[in-house]
Every structure is written in C-alpha cells, then in structure tokens.
Amino acid sequence: MKVNIFEAKAKLSEYVDRVEHGEHIVICRRNRPVAELRPIELARTTPRPIGGLEGKIVIPPSFFDPLPDEIIESFYPETDPRAVKAAGEQMTDGPKKRSGVKRQSSARRRRA
C-alpha cells in the first residue's frame, strides 16, 4: 500500500495497526517512495539448538591437518610459504616497542 506523507502523519496509528497484521506501507513524498513502514521480525527467545546436523555430515580427521605448501602459495603467490608461517609465529610475540621520540599532542602544537 502506498500513502502520501501527510496522510501517514494523520493516520499513523491506523497504519501501525495494519503493519502489526503483516502489511507493508510505502510512504511517498510527491508520489516518490521515501520510506517503508513494515513489521519488525521478532527476536529469537530460545537459544539455537547445538548439533542440529549431527549424524548428517562427517568431518574427516584430515580436515585438521596443516595445509600443503601449494595451497598456501595460492594465497600468497609472491612469498615463500615457510616465510608466511614464520611471520605468523612472530606475530604472537606482542606489540612492538616505540622509539624514544615523543610526539607533541595536536593541542600543544597549536599553542606553540
């Protein structure tokens, strides 16, 4: 259903009742659609069941094996896959330390 914005302002509660029953209402300004009034989907009140596909799919133990170098190379064609693995190990060392040079804050620079 399409309605003009002035009509929507005058009959908003009526249109909200219609929307609660599943109707969609398009609000127009000068016969051009600008907004849509539609129902909100209700949030799930119960948690999703865990293991819904149990017994329907099988994940082989080989799924958890490391990827072969050929597959890793397809993700990083310019680099050596062993270097990529080593870089991943280095990333766990923590954040790098900053140099001893202190930077002035922008407020301090403006005052100077």
C-alpha atoms as a PDB file:
ATOM      1  CA  MET A   1       0.000   0.000   0.000  1.00  0.00           C
ATOM      2  CA  LYS A   2       1.297   3.497  -0.869  1.00  0.00           C
ATOM      3  CA  VAL A   3       0.348   6.612   1.094  1.00  0.00           C
ATOM      4  CA  ASN A   4       1.336  10.260   0.952  1.00  0.00           C
ATOM      5  CA  ILE A   5       3.463  11.543   3.827  1.00  0.00           C
ATOM      6  CA  PHE A   6       0.741  13.918   5.025  1.00  0.00           C
ATOM      7  CA  GLU A   7      -1.795  11.087   5.130  1.00  0.00           C
ATOM      8  CA  ALA A   8       0.716   8.914   7.013  1.00  0.00           C
ATOM      9  CA  LYS A   9       1.138  11.647   9.637  1.00  0.00           C
ATOM     10  CA  ALA A  10      -2.621  11.978  10.068  1.00  0.00           C
ATOM     11  CA  LYS A  11      -3.337   8.223  10.271  1.00  0.00           C
ATOM     12  CA  LEU A  12      -0.111   6.831  11.724  1.00  0.00           C
ATOM     13  CA  SER A  13      -1.751   4.727  14.447  1.00  0.00           C
ATOM     14  CA  GLU A  14      -4.093   3.142  11.868  1.00  0.00           C
ATOM     15  CA  TYR A  15      -1.153   2.257   9.635  1.00  0.00           C
ATOM     16  CA  VAL A  16       0.811   0.844  12.569  1.00  0.00           C
ATOM     17  CA  ASP A  17      -2.144  -1.454  13.305  1.00  0.00           C
ATOM     18  CA  ARG A  18      -2.085  -2.628   9.677  1.00  0.00           C
ATOM     19  CA  VAL A  19       1.652  -3.225   9.855  1.00  0.00           C
ATOM     20  CA  GLU A  20       1.182  -5.334  13.005  1.00  0.00           C
ATOM     21  CA  HIS A  21      -1.032  -7.611  10.902  1.00  0.00           C
ATOM     22  CA  GLY A  22       1.714  -8.081   8.288  1.00  0.00           C
ATOM     23  CA  GLU A  23       1.011  -5.310   5.772  1.00  0.00           C
ATOM     24  CA  HIS A  24       3.793  -3.200   4.243  1.00  0.00           C
ATOM     25  CA  ILE A  25       3.179   0.502   3.731  1.00  0.00           C
ATOM     26  CA  VAL A  26       5.302   2.691   1.456  1.00  0.00           C
ATOM     27  CA  ILE A  27       5.356   6.372   2.405  1.00  0.00           C
ATOM     28  CA  CYS A  28       5.722   8.771  -0.531  1.00  0.00           C
ATOM     29  CA  ARG A  29       6.594  12.426  -0.893  1.00  0.00           C
ATOM     30  CA  ARG A  30       5.190  13.909  -4.114  1.00  0.00           C
ATOM     31  CA  ASN A  31       4.390  10.366  -5.289  1.00  0.00           C
ATOM     32  CA  ARG A  32       8.017   9.218  -4.867  1.00  0.00           C
ATOM     33  CA  PRO A  33       8.689   6.470  -2.322  1.00  0.00           C
ATOM     34  CA  VAL A  34      10.889   7.726   0.538  1.00  0.00           C
ATOM     35  CA  ALA A  35      10.259   5.289   3.392  1.00  0.00           C
ATOM     36  CA  GLU A  36       8.722   1.948   4.209  1.00  0.00           C
ATOM     37  CA  LEU A  37       6.673   1.028   7.258  1.00  0.00           C
ATOM     38  CA  ARG A  38       6.931  -2.718   7.864  1.00  0.00           C
ATOM     39  CA  PRO A  39       6.832  -5.146  10.779  1.00  0.00           C
ATOM     40  CA  ILE A  40       9.993  -5.946  12.705  1.00  0.00           C
ATOM     41  CA  GLU A  41      10.926  -9.610  12.923  1.00  0.00           C
ATOM     42  CA  LEU A  42      10.721 -10.852  16.474  1.00  0.00           C
ATOM     43  CA  ALA A  43      13.988 -11.774  18.143  1.00  0.00           C
ATOM     44  CA  ARG A  44      14.590 -15.411  18.972  1.00  0.00           C
ATOM     45  CA  THR A  45      13.564 -16.137  22.569  1.00  0.00           C
ATOM     46  CA  THR A  46      15.086 -19.606  22.795  1.00  0.00           C
ATOM     47  CA  PRO A  47      18.728 -20.409  22.082  1.00  0.00           C
ATOM     48  CA  ARG A  48      19.557 -22.208  18.851  1.00  0.00           C
ATOM     49  CA  PRO A  49      19.948 -25.941  19.251  1.00  0.00           C
ATOM     50  CA  ILE A  50      23.534 -27.172  19.161  1.00  0.00           C
ATOM     51  CA  GLY A  51      24.410 -30.094  16.936  1.00  0.00           C
ATOM     52  CA  GLY A  52      21.485 -29.834  14.535  1.00  0.00           C
ATOM     53  CA  LEU A  53      23.460 -31.607  11.777  1.00  0.00           C
ATOM     54  CA  GLU A  54      24.813 -34.370  13.986  1.00  0.00           C
ATOM     55  CA  GLY A  55      24.917 -37.594  12.006  1.00  0.00           C
ATOM     56  CA  LYS A  56      24.134 -35.810   8.723  1.00  0.00           C
ATOM     57  CA  ILE A  57      27.670 -34.639   7.908  1.00  0.00           C
ATOM     58  CA  VAL A  58      31.071 -36.160   8.619  1.00  0.00           C
ATOM     59  CA  ILE A  59      34.262 -34.127   9.040  1.00  0.00           C
ATOM     60  CA  PRO A  60      37.273 -36.369   8.432  1.00  0.00           C
ATOM     61  CA  PRO A  61      40.299 -36.089  10.751  1.00  0.00           C
ATOM     62  CA  SER A  62      42.409 -34.914   7.773  1.00  0.00           C
ATOM     63  CA  PHE A  63      40.399 -31.661   7.824  1.00  0.00           C
ATOM     64  CA  PHE A  64      42.541 -30.509  10.762  1.00  0.00           C
ATOM     65  CA  ASP A  65      45.892 -31.320   9.098  1.00  0.00           C
ATOM     66  CA  PRO A  66      48.137 -28.399   8.041  1.00  0.00           C
ATOM     67  CA  LEU A  67      47.576 -27.148   4.509  1.00  0.00           C
ATOM     68  CA  PRO A  68      50.044 -28.219   1.806  1.00  0.00           C
ATOM     69  CA  ASP A  69      52.518 -25.606   0.539  1.00  0.00           C
ATOM     70  CA  GLU A  70      50.760 -25.471  -2.870  1.00  0.00           C
ATOM     71  CA  ILE A  71      47.547 -24.213  -1.279  1.00  0.00           C
ATOM     72  CA  ILE A  72      49.364 -21.689   0.923  1.00  0.00           C
ATOM     73  CA  GLU A  73      51.215 -20.414  -2.181  1.00  0.00           C
ATOM     74  CA  SER A  74      47.880 -19.776  -3.885  1.00  0.00           C
ATOM     75  CA  PHE A  75      47.023 -17.305  -1.095  1.00  0.00           C
ATOM     76  CA  TYR A  76      50.469 -15.669  -1.057  1.00  0.00           C
ATOM     77  CA  PRO A  77      51.919 -16.093  -4.563  1.00  0.00           C
ATOM     78  CA  GLU A  78      54.809 -13.587  -4.116  1.00  0.00           C
ATOM     79  CA  THR A  79      56.190 -15.074  -0.910  1.00  0.00           C
ATOM     80  CA  ASP A  80      57.710 -18.287   0.309  1.00  0.00           C
ATOM     81  CA  PRO A  81      55.072 -20.270   2.304  1.00  0.00           C
ATOM     82  CA  ARG A  82      57.600 -21.067   5.012  1.00  0.00           C
ATOM     83  CA  ALA A  83      58.236 -17.312   5.462  1.00  0.00           C
ATOM     84  CA  VAL A  84      54.495 -16.757   5.857  1.00  0.00           C
ATOM     85  CA  LYS A  85      54.345 -19.446   8.537  1.00  0.00           C
ATOM     86  CA  ALA A  86      57.341 -17.889  10.325  1.00  0.00           C
ATOM     87  CA  ALA A  87      55.737 -14.432  10.148  1.00  0.00           C
ATOM     88  CA  GLY A  88      52.595 -15.842  11.750  1.00  0.00           C
ATOM     89  CA  GLU A  89      54.679 -17.208  14.599  1.00  0.00           C
ATOM     90  CA  GLN A  90      56.429 -13.841  15.082  1.00  0.00           C
ATOM     91  CA  MET A  91      53.100 -12.021  15.368  1.00  0.00           C
ATOM     92  CA  THR A  92      52.436 -13.744  18.685  1.00  0.00           C
ATOM     93  CA  ASP A  93      55.442 -12.008  20.307  1.00  0.00           C
ATOM     94  CA  GLY A  94      53.324  -8.988  21.315  1.00  0.00           C
ATOM     95  CA  PRO A  95      53.285  -5.338  20.282  1.00  0.00           C
ATOM     96  CA  LYS A  96      56.431  -3.671  19.040  1.00  0.00           C
ATOM     97  CA  LYS A  97      58.057  -1.026  21.225  1.00  0.00           C
ATOM     98  CA  ARG A  98      58.030   2.573  20.038  1.00  0.00           C
ATOM     99  CA  SER A  99      61.181   4.548  19.530  1.00  0.00           C
ATOM    100  CA  GLY A 100      62.244   7.004  22.241  1.00  0.00           C
ATOM    101  CA  VAL A 101      60.971  10.043  20.268  1.00  0.00           C
ATOM    102  CA  LYS A 102      57.978  11.698  21.913  1.00  0.00           C
ATOM    103  CA  ARG A 103      55.339  13.337  19.748  1.00  0.00           C
ATOM    104  CA  GLN A 104      53.588  16.516  20.785  1.00  0.00           C
ATOM    105  CA  SER A 105      49.826  16.427  21.030  1.00  0.00           C
ATOM    106  CA  SER A 106      47.870  18.432  18.471  1.00  0.00           C
ATOM    107  CA  ALA A 107      46.692  20.839  21.200  1.00  0.00           C
ATOM    108  CA  ARG A 108      50.262  21.530  22.279  1.00  0.00           C
ATOM    109  CA  ARG A 109      51.340  22.188  18.675  1.00  0.00           C
ATOM    110  CA  ARG A 110      48.543  24.719  18.190  1.00  0.00           C
ATOM    111  CA  ARG A 111      49.605  26.719  21.262  1.00  0.00           C
ATOM    112  CA  ALA A 112      53.225  26.979  20.091  1.00  0.00           C
END
